[in-house]
Amino acid sequence: MTSTDPAILIIPGLNNSGPDHWQSHWERQLPNASRVELGAWSSPRRTSWTTNLGIAIASTQGPKILVAHSLGCLAVAWWASQEPYAEKHDIVGVLLVAPPSVDNCPMDSRLANFAPAPRFALPFPTVLVGSENDPYCSLRHAGKLARRWGARFVNAGPFGHINAASGIGDWPYGLYLLRSLLSQAEHRREEAGKTALIERLRQKQAYQITATIEGKHPT
C-alpha cells in the first residue's frame, strides 16, 4: 500500500481503539490512514457519531475506504442509511470488523442506542468479518448482518472480538482483506476508464460519419 492509494478512514468502536489494537497499528503503518474522531467514546450517541462520521467522510477528498470495528460498524451502517447521497462520496470499499449485536438485549447497554441495526444494503463494496467466539455477536448473527447490509461475509476464525485482547498484532489477515478491497477498487477504476475511452471514441466516430454524410470536414 502506498500514499497514492485511497484514503483509509479508521472508525473505532466503543471506548476507542488503544495502542495495541490492530486499528492503531494500521494508523501508524499506513501512510494514508487516519482515525475518525467520533467523540464521546465511552458514552456513544448514534446521532452524534453518524454526524461526525459524515463530516469526516465529506472532508476527505478523493476515493476512500472505511475501516470500522465493533460499534463503529453500526455508525457506518446508520450513516449510509440516512445519507441520501452516500454513493456519491467516492467510497470505494468498506471493511466492517466484528459488529456487535445491538438488538435483543445487547451485551453492553450502551449499544442499545444504535438499535435496531439498519435493514439497508450499503451502496458500496463491503466486506464484513465475524468471529466464531465473539462475545458481542454470534457468528450466525454476523452473517445475518452481512446479508442485511449486502456485504461479503468472512469468518475470521476463533479470535474473540478481533481486538487487542485477541493477540493478533497488526492483524495480517485483515491487511490482506484491505489489500483485496484496494485491488478491486483499482480494477473498477481501470474498467471505468476503458469504458469512458470507448464511449469517447464511439462519439468521435459517429461525428465523423455524420460529417462525411453531410459533406463537412471533420476536425
C-alpha atoms as a PDB file:
ATOM      1  CA  MET A   1       0.000   0.000   0.000  1.00  0.00           C
ATOM      2  CA  THR A   2       1.292   3.427  -0.971  1.00  0.00           C
ATOM      3  CA  SER A   3       0.463   7.086  -0.420  1.00  0.00           C
ATOM      4  CA  THR A   4      -1.296   7.099  -3.807  1.00  0.00           C
ATOM      5  CA  ASP A   5      -3.899   4.573  -2.647  1.00  0.00           C
ATOM      6  CA  PRO A   6      -7.341   5.756  -1.487  1.00  0.00           C
ATOM      7  CA  ALA A   7      -7.539   7.417   1.905  1.00  0.00           C
ATOM      8  CA  ILE A   8      -8.264   4.961   4.721  1.00  0.00           C
ATOM      9  CA  LEU A   9     -10.646   6.233   7.382  1.00  0.00           C
ATOM     10  CA  ILE A  10     -10.296   4.202  10.587  1.00  0.00           C
ATOM     11  CA  ILE A  11     -13.507   4.108  12.622  1.00  0.00           C
ATOM     12  CA  PRO A  12     -13.158   2.608  16.116  1.00  0.00           C
ATOM     13  CA  GLY A  13     -15.938   1.361  18.339  1.00  0.00           C
ATOM     14  CA  LEU A  14     -16.871   1.727  21.984  1.00  0.00           C
ATOM     15  CA  ASN A  15     -14.038   3.172  24.140  1.00  0.00           C
ATOM     16  CA  ASN A  16     -11.923   3.846  21.038  1.00  0.00           C
ATOM     17  CA  SER A  17      -9.050   1.582  19.937  1.00  0.00           C
ATOM     18  CA  GLY A  18      -5.995   1.512  22.213  1.00  0.00           C
ATOM     19  CA  PRO A  19      -2.336   1.460  21.123  1.00  0.00           C
ATOM     20  CA  ASP A  20      -2.212  -2.342  20.785  1.00  0.00           C
ATOM     21  CA  HIS A  21      -5.371  -2.582  18.679  1.00  0.00           C
ATOM     22  CA  TRP A  22      -4.883  -3.553  15.034  1.00  0.00           C
ATOM     23  CA  GLN A  23      -6.615  -0.309  14.004  1.00  0.00           C
ATOM     24  CA  SER A  24      -3.934   1.675  15.846  1.00  0.00           C
ATOM     25  CA  HIS A  25      -1.217  -0.421  14.191  1.00  0.00           C
ATOM     26  CA  TRP A  26      -2.711   0.366  10.794  1.00  0.00           C
ATOM     27  CA  GLU A  27      -2.971   4.055  11.600  1.00  0.00           C
ATOM     28  CA  ARG A  28       0.759   4.104  12.384  1.00  0.00           C
ATOM     29  CA  GLN A  29       1.836   1.880   9.488  1.00  0.00           C
ATOM     30  CA  LEU A  30      -0.261   3.033   6.541  1.00  0.00           C
ATOM     31  CA  PRO A  31       0.712   6.427   5.093  1.00  0.00           C
ATOM     32  CA  ASN A  32      -2.821   7.308   4.008  1.00  0.00           C
ATOM     33  CA  ALA A  33      -4.687   6.185   7.154  1.00  0.00           C
ATOM     34  CA  SER A  34      -6.323   8.490   9.678  1.00  0.00           C
ATOM     35  CA  ARG A  35      -8.657   7.970  12.619  1.00  0.00           C
ATOM     36  CA  VAL A  36     -12.142   9.439  12.626  1.00  0.00           C
ATOM     37  CA  GLU A  37     -12.915  11.332  15.834  1.00  0.00           C
ATOM     38  CA  LEU A  38     -16.453  10.277  16.666  1.00  0.00           C
ATOM     39  CA  GLY A  39     -16.406  11.820  20.158  1.00  0.00           C
ATOM     40  CA  ALA A  40     -17.864  10.543  23.433  1.00  0.00           C
ATOM     41  CA  TRP A  41     -16.114   7.202  23.039  1.00  0.00           C
ATOM     42  CA  SER A  42     -17.330   5.813  26.370  1.00  0.00           C
ATOM     43  CA  SER A  43     -20.914   7.101  26.079  1.00  0.00           C
ATOM     44  CA  PRO A  44     -21.729   6.995  22.356  1.00  0.00           C
ATOM     45  CA  ARG A  45     -24.849   8.511  20.856  1.00  0.00           C
ATOM     46  CA  ARG A  46     -25.984   7.396  17.456  1.00  0.00           C
ATOM     47  CA  THR A  47     -26.836  10.873  16.186  1.00  0.00           C
ATOM     48  CA  SER A  48     -23.513  12.460  17.115  1.00  0.00           C
ATOM     49  CA  TRP A  49     -21.464   9.510  15.874  1.00  0.00           C
ATOM     50  CA  THR A  50     -23.150   9.430  12.466  1.00  0.00           C
ATOM     51  CA  THR A  51     -22.898  13.220  12.188  1.00  0.00           C
ATOM     52  CA  ASN A  52     -19.177  13.228  12.990  1.00  0.00           C
ATOM     53  CA  LEU A  53     -18.591  10.332  10.619  1.00  0.00           C
ATOM     54  CA  GLY A  54     -20.404  12.187   7.849  1.00  0.00           C
ATOM     55  CA  ILE A  55     -18.259  15.276   8.415  1.00  0.00           C
ATOM     56  CA  ALA A  56     -15.069  13.204   8.206  1.00  0.00           C
ATOM     57  CA  ILE A  57     -16.187  11.496   5.004  1.00  0.00           C
ATOM     58  CA  ALA A  58     -17.258  14.753   3.345  1.00  0.00           C
ATOM     59  CA  SER A  59     -13.997  16.499   4.259  1.00  0.00           C
ATOM     60  CA  THR A  60     -11.785  13.729   2.838  1.00  0.00           C
ATOM     61  CA  GLN A  61     -11.056  14.390  -0.806  1.00  0.00           C
ATOM     62  CA  GLY A  62     -10.798  11.666  -3.418  1.00  0.00           C
ATOM     63  CA  PRO A  63     -11.504   7.947  -3.130  1.00  0.00           C
ATOM     64  CA  LYS A  64     -11.651   6.470   0.346  1.00  0.00           C
ATOM     65  CA  ILE A  65     -12.029   3.177   2.189  1.00  0.00           C
ATOM     66  CA  LEU A  66     -13.815   2.913   5.539  1.00  0.00           C
ATOM     67  CA  VAL A  67     -12.340   0.511   8.108  1.00  0.00           C
ATOM     68  CA  ALA A  68     -14.686   0.108  11.067  1.00  0.00           C
ATOM     69  CA  HIS A  69     -14.515  -2.041  14.175  1.00  0.00           C
ATOM     70  CA  SER A  70     -17.269  -3.066  16.588  1.00  0.00           C
ATOM     71  CA  LEU A  71     -19.794  -0.273  17.217  1.00  0.00           C
ATOM     72  CA  GLY A  72     -18.070   1.766  14.515  1.00  0.00           C
ATOM     73  CA  CYS A  73     -19.663  -0.668  12.050  1.00  0.00           C
ATOM     74  CA  LEU A  74     -23.099   0.420  13.228  1.00  0.00           C
ATOM     75  CA  ALA A  75     -22.089   4.053  12.820  1.00  0.00           C
ATOM     76  CA  VAL A  76     -21.199   3.328   9.194  1.00  0.00           C
ATOM     77  CA  ALA A  77     -24.439   1.441   8.561  1.00  0.00           C
ATOM     78  CA  TRP A  78     -26.571   4.175  10.131  1.00  0.00           C
ATOM     79  CA  TRP A  79     -24.739   6.943   8.265  1.00  0.00           C
ATOM     80  CA  ALA A  80     -25.179   5.146   4.929  1.00  0.00           C
ATOM     81  CA  SER A  81     -28.870   4.505   5.572  1.00  0.00           C
ATOM     82  CA  GLN A  82     -29.527   8.167   6.417  1.00  0.00           C
ATOM     83  CA  GLU A  83     -27.268   9.917   3.899  1.00  0.00           C
ATOM     84  CA  PRO A  84     -29.276  10.360   0.664  1.00  0.00           C
ATOM     85  CA  TYR A  85     -26.123  10.754  -1.450  1.00  0.00           C
ATOM     86  CA  ALA A  86     -23.933   8.143   0.247  1.00  0.00           C
ATOM     87  CA  GLU A  87     -22.973   6.564  -3.080  1.00  0.00           C
ATOM     88  CA  LYS A  88     -21.597   9.903  -4.326  1.00  0.00           C
ATOM     89  CA  HIS A  89     -18.940  10.252  -1.614  1.00  0.00           C
ATOM     90  CA  ASP A  90     -16.366   8.220  -3.588  1.00  0.00           C
ATOM     91  CA  ILE A  91     -16.263   5.396  -1.053  1.00  0.00           C
ATOM     92  CA  VAL A  92     -14.584   2.585  -2.971  1.00  0.00           C
ATOM     93  CA  GLY A  93     -14.737  -0.049  -0.233  1.00  0.00           C
ATOM     94  CA  VAL A  94     -15.779  -0.745   3.348  1.00  0.00           C
ATOM     95  CA  LEU A  95     -14.310  -3.218   5.839  1.00  0.00           C
ATOM     96  CA  LEU A  96     -16.599  -3.927   8.791  1.00  0.00           C
ATOM     97  CA  VAL A  97     -14.991  -5.972  11.563  1.00  0.00           C
ATOM     98  CA  ALA A  98     -16.779  -7.623  14.491  1.00  0.00           C
ATOM     99  CA  PRO A  99     -20.006  -5.608  14.538  1.00  0.00           C
ATOM    100  CA  PRO A 100     -21.828  -6.178  17.848  1.00  0.00           C
ATOM    101  CA  SER A 101     -25.401  -7.305  18.114  1.00  0.00           C
ATOM    102  CA  VAL A 102     -27.376  -4.240  19.166  1.00  0.00           C
ATOM    103  CA  ASP A 103     -30.802  -5.894  19.018  1.00  0.00           C
ATOM    104  CA  ASN A 104     -32.442  -8.056  21.678  1.00  0.00           C
ATOM    105  CA  CYS A 105     -30.595  -7.280  24.924  1.00  0.00           C
ATOM    106  CA  PRO A 106     -27.085  -6.329  23.742  1.00  0.00           C
ATOM    107  CA  MET A 107     -24.171  -7.335  25.948  1.00  0.00           C
ATOM    108  CA  ASP A 108     -23.465  -3.694  26.857  1.00  0.00           C
ATOM    109  CA  SER A 109     -26.438  -1.402  27.487  1.00  0.00           C
ATOM    110  CA  ARG A 110     -24.641   1.445  25.707  1.00  0.00           C
ATOM    111  CA  LEU A 111     -25.050  -0.424  22.430  1.00  0.00           C
ATOM    112  CA  ALA A 112     -28.831  -0.205  22.597  1.00  0.00           C
ATOM    113  CA  ASN A 113     -28.700   3.393  21.380  1.00  0.00           C
ATOM    114  CA  PHE A 114     -27.764   2.030  17.943  1.00  0.00           C
ATOM    115  CA  ALA A 115     -30.680  -0.407  17.791  1.00  0.00           C
ATOM    116  CA  PRO A 116     -32.242  -1.627  15.690  1.00  0.00           C
ATOM    117  CA  ALA A 117     -29.493  -2.445  13.233  1.00  0.00           C
ATOM    118  CA  PRO A 118     -30.399  -0.836   9.895  1.00  0.00           C
ATOM    119  CA  ARG A 119     -32.038  -3.003   7.262  1.00  0.00           C
ATOM    120  CA  PHE A 120     -30.263  -1.429   4.341  1.00  0.00           C
ATOM    121  CA  ALA A 121     -27.848  -2.623   1.668  1.00  0.00           C
ATOM    122  CA  LEU A 122     -24.777  -0.406   1.738  1.00  0.00           C
ATOM    123  CA  PRO A 123     -24.244   1.260  -1.673  1.00  0.00           C
ATOM    124  CA  PHE A 124     -20.538   0.386  -1.919  1.00  0.00           C
ATOM    125  CA  PRO A 125     -18.438  -2.812  -1.948  1.00  0.00           C
ATOM    126  CA  THR A 126     -18.395  -4.138   1.616  1.00  0.00           C
ATOM    127  CA  VAL A 127     -16.697  -6.972   3.466  1.00  0.00           C
ATOM    128  CA  LEU A 128     -17.995  -7.939   6.913  1.00  0.00           C
ATOM    129  CA  VAL A 129     -15.751 -10.019   9.173  1.00  0.00           C
ATOM    130  CA  GLY A 130     -17.121 -12.069  12.057  1.00  0.00           C
ATOM    131  CA  SER A 131     -15.506 -14.284  14.699  1.00  0.00           C
ATOM    132  CA  GLU A 132     -16.518 -17.748  15.837  1.00  0.00           C
ATOM    133  CA  ASN A 133     -16.370 -16.794  19.528  1.00  0.00           C
ATOM    134  CA  ASP A 134     -17.128 -13.077  19.646  1.00  0.00           C
ATOM    135  CA  PRO A 135     -18.868 -12.386  22.983  1.00  0.00           C
ATOM    136  CA  TYR A 136     -20.646  -9.389  21.448  1.00  0.00           C
ATOM    137  CA  CYS A 137     -22.082 -11.153  18.407  1.00  0.00           C
ATOM    138  CA  SER A 138     -22.555 -14.760  17.345  1.00  0.00           C
ATOM    139  CA  LEU A 139     -21.135 -15.857  14.014  1.00  0.00           C
ATOM    140  CA  ARG A 140     -24.668 -16.582  12.841  1.00  0.00           C
ATOM    141  CA  HIS A 141     -25.852 -13.067  13.637  1.00  0.00           C
ATOM    142  CA  ALA A 142     -22.763 -11.566  11.989  1.00  0.00           C
ATOM    143  CA  GLY A 143     -23.678 -13.468   8.831  1.00  0.00           C
ATOM    144  CA  LYS A 144     -27.212 -12.140   9.116  1.00  0.00           C
ATOM    145  CA  LEU A 145     -25.907  -8.576   9.308  1.00  0.00           C
ATOM    146  CA  ALA A 146     -23.741  -9.208   6.243  1.00  0.00           C
ATOM    147  CA  ARG A 147     -26.773 -10.323   4.256  1.00  0.00           C
ATOM    148  CA  ARG A 148     -28.808  -7.390   5.542  1.00  0.00           C
ATOM    149  CA  TRP A 149     -26.113  -4.894   4.521  1.00  0.00           C
ATOM    150  CA  GLY A 150     -25.266  -6.537   1.191  1.00  0.00           C
ATOM    151  CA  ALA A 151     -21.737  -7.410   2.323  1.00  0.00           C
ATOM    152  CA  ARG A 152     -19.442 -10.328   1.588  1.00  0.00           C
ATOM    153  CA  PHE A 153     -19.134 -12.325   4.788  1.00  0.00           C
ATOM    154  CA  VAL A 154     -15.790 -13.619   6.074  1.00  0.00           C
ATOM    155  CA  ASN A 155     -15.283 -15.959   9.027  1.00  0.00           C
ATOM    156  CA  ALA A 156     -12.014 -14.870  10.690  1.00  0.00           C
ATOM    157  CA  GLY A 157     -11.911 -17.899  12.979  1.00  0.00           C
ATOM    158  CA  PRO A 158     -11.929 -18.020  16.804  1.00  0.00           C
ATOM    159  CA  PHE A 159     -10.494 -14.574  17.580  1.00  0.00           C
ATOM    160  CA  GLY A 160     -12.956 -13.188  20.111  1.00  0.00           C
ATOM    161  CA  HIS A 161     -13.921  -9.598  19.396  1.00  0.00           C
ATOM    162  CA  ILE A 162     -10.992  -9.241  16.944  1.00  0.00           C
ATOM    163  CA  ASN A 163      -9.319  -6.595  19.084  1.00  0.00           C
ATOM    164  CA  ALA A 164      -6.141  -6.119  21.114  1.00  0.00           C
ATOM    165  CA  ALA A 165      -7.165  -8.896  23.513  1.00  0.00           C
ATOM    166  CA  SER A 166      -7.231 -11.309  20.557  1.00  0.00           C
ATOM    167  CA  GLY A 167      -3.439 -11.175  20.351  1.00  0.00           C
ATOM    168  CA  ILE A 168      -3.361 -10.586  16.592  1.00  0.00           C
ATOM    169  CA  GLY A 169      -0.970  -7.621  16.498  1.00  0.00           C
ATOM    170  CA  ASP A 170      -1.491  -5.685  13.292  1.00  0.00           C
ATOM    171  CA  TRP A 171      -3.803  -8.492  12.087  1.00  0.00           C
ATOM    172  CA  PRO A 172      -2.149  -9.687   8.848  1.00  0.00           C
ATOM    173  CA  TYR A 173      -5.343 -11.340   7.608  1.00  0.00           C
ATOM    174  CA  GLY A 174      -7.180  -8.037   7.948  1.00  0.00           C
ATOM    175  CA  LEU A 175      -4.437  -6.338   5.931  1.00  0.00           C
ATOM    176  CA  TYR A 176      -4.949  -8.995   3.263  1.00  0.00           C
ATOM    177  CA  LEU A 177      -8.666  -8.159   3.145  1.00  0.00           C
ATOM    178  CA  LEU A 178      -7.859  -4.457   2.949  1.00  0.00           C
ATOM    179  CA  ARG A 179      -5.460  -5.052   0.063  1.00  0.00           C
ATOM    180  CA  SER A 180      -8.176  -7.046  -1.692  1.00  0.00           C
ATOM    181  CA  LEU A 181     -10.569  -4.109  -1.409  1.00  0.00           C
ATOM    182  CA  LEU A 182      -7.886  -1.766  -2.748  1.00  0.00           C
ATOM    183  CA  SER A 183      -7.154  -4.110  -5.647  1.00  0.00           C
ATOM    184  CA  GLN A 184     -10.828  -4.400  -6.542  1.00  0.00           C
ATOM    185  CA  ALA A 185     -11.213  -0.618  -6.392  1.00  0.00           C
ATOM    186  CA  GLU A 186      -8.246  -0.170  -8.751  1.00  0.00           C
ATOM    187  CA  HIS A 187      -9.720  -2.720 -11.163  1.00  0.00           C
ATOM    188  CA  ARG A 188     -13.058  -0.877 -11.168  1.00  0.00           C
ATOM    189  CA  ARG A 189     -11.286   2.430 -11.873  1.00  0.00           C
ATOM    190  CA  GLU A 190      -9.394   0.866 -14.781  1.00  0.00           C
ATOM    191  CA  GLU A 191     -12.579  -0.621 -16.227  1.00  0.00           C
ATOM    192  CA  ALA A 192     -14.402   2.698 -15.852  1.00  0.00           C
ATOM    193  CA  GLY A 193     -11.532   4.434 -17.657  1.00  0.00           C
ATOM    194  CA  LYS A 194     -11.689   1.946 -20.520  1.00  0.00           C
ATOM    195  CA  THR A 195     -15.455   2.358 -20.794  1.00  0.00           C
ATOM    196  CA  ALA A 196     -15.129   6.154 -20.883  1.00  0.00           C
ATOM    197  CA  LEU A 197     -12.429   5.944 -23.579  1.00  0.00           C
ATOM    198  CA  ILE A 198     -14.550   3.611 -25.722  1.00  0.00           C
ATOM    199  CA  GLU A 199     -17.511   5.961 -25.393  1.00  0.00           C
ATOM    200  CA  ARG A 200     -15.408   8.968 -26.456  1.00  0.00           C
ATOM    201  CA  LEU A 201     -14.109   7.055 -29.480  1.00  0.00           C
ATOM    202  CA  ARG A 202     -17.631   5.974 -30.368  1.00  0.00           C
ATOM    203  CA  GLN A 203     -18.890   9.539 -30.202  1.00  0.00           C
ATOM    204  CA  LYS A 204     -15.964  10.785 -32.314  1.00  0.00           C
ATOM    205  CA  GLN A 205     -16.588   8.085 -34.915  1.00  0.00           C
ATOM    206  CA  ALA A 206     -20.302   8.913 -35.027  1.00  0.00           C
ATOM    207  CA  TYR A 207     -19.466  12.587 -35.543  1.00  0.00           C
ATOM    208  CA  GLN A 208     -17.035  11.800 -38.362  1.00  0.00           C
ATOM    209  CA  ILE A 209     -19.601   9.612 -40.139  1.00  0.00           C
ATOM    210  CA  THR A 210     -22.266  12.313 -39.797  1.00  0.00           C
ATOM    211  CA  ALA A 211     -19.863  14.995 -41.019  1.00  0.00           C
ATOM    212  CA  THR A 212     -18.913  12.912 -44.059  1.00  0.00           C
ATOM    213  CA  ILE A 213     -22.542  12.287 -44.963  1.00  0.00           C
ATOM    214  CA  GLU A 214     -23.345  15.996 -44.681  1.00  0.00           C
ATOM    215  CA  GLY A 215     -20.284  16.950 -46.684  1.00  0.00           C
ATOM    216  CA  LYS A 216     -18.487  18.585 -43.794  1.00  0.00           C
ATOM    217  CA  HIS A 217     -14.820  18.302 -42.979  1.00  0.00           C
ATOM    218  CA  PRO A 218     -14.367  16.698 -39.542  1.00  0.00           C
ATOM    219  CA  THR A 219     -11.790  18.229 -37.249  1.00  0.00           C
END
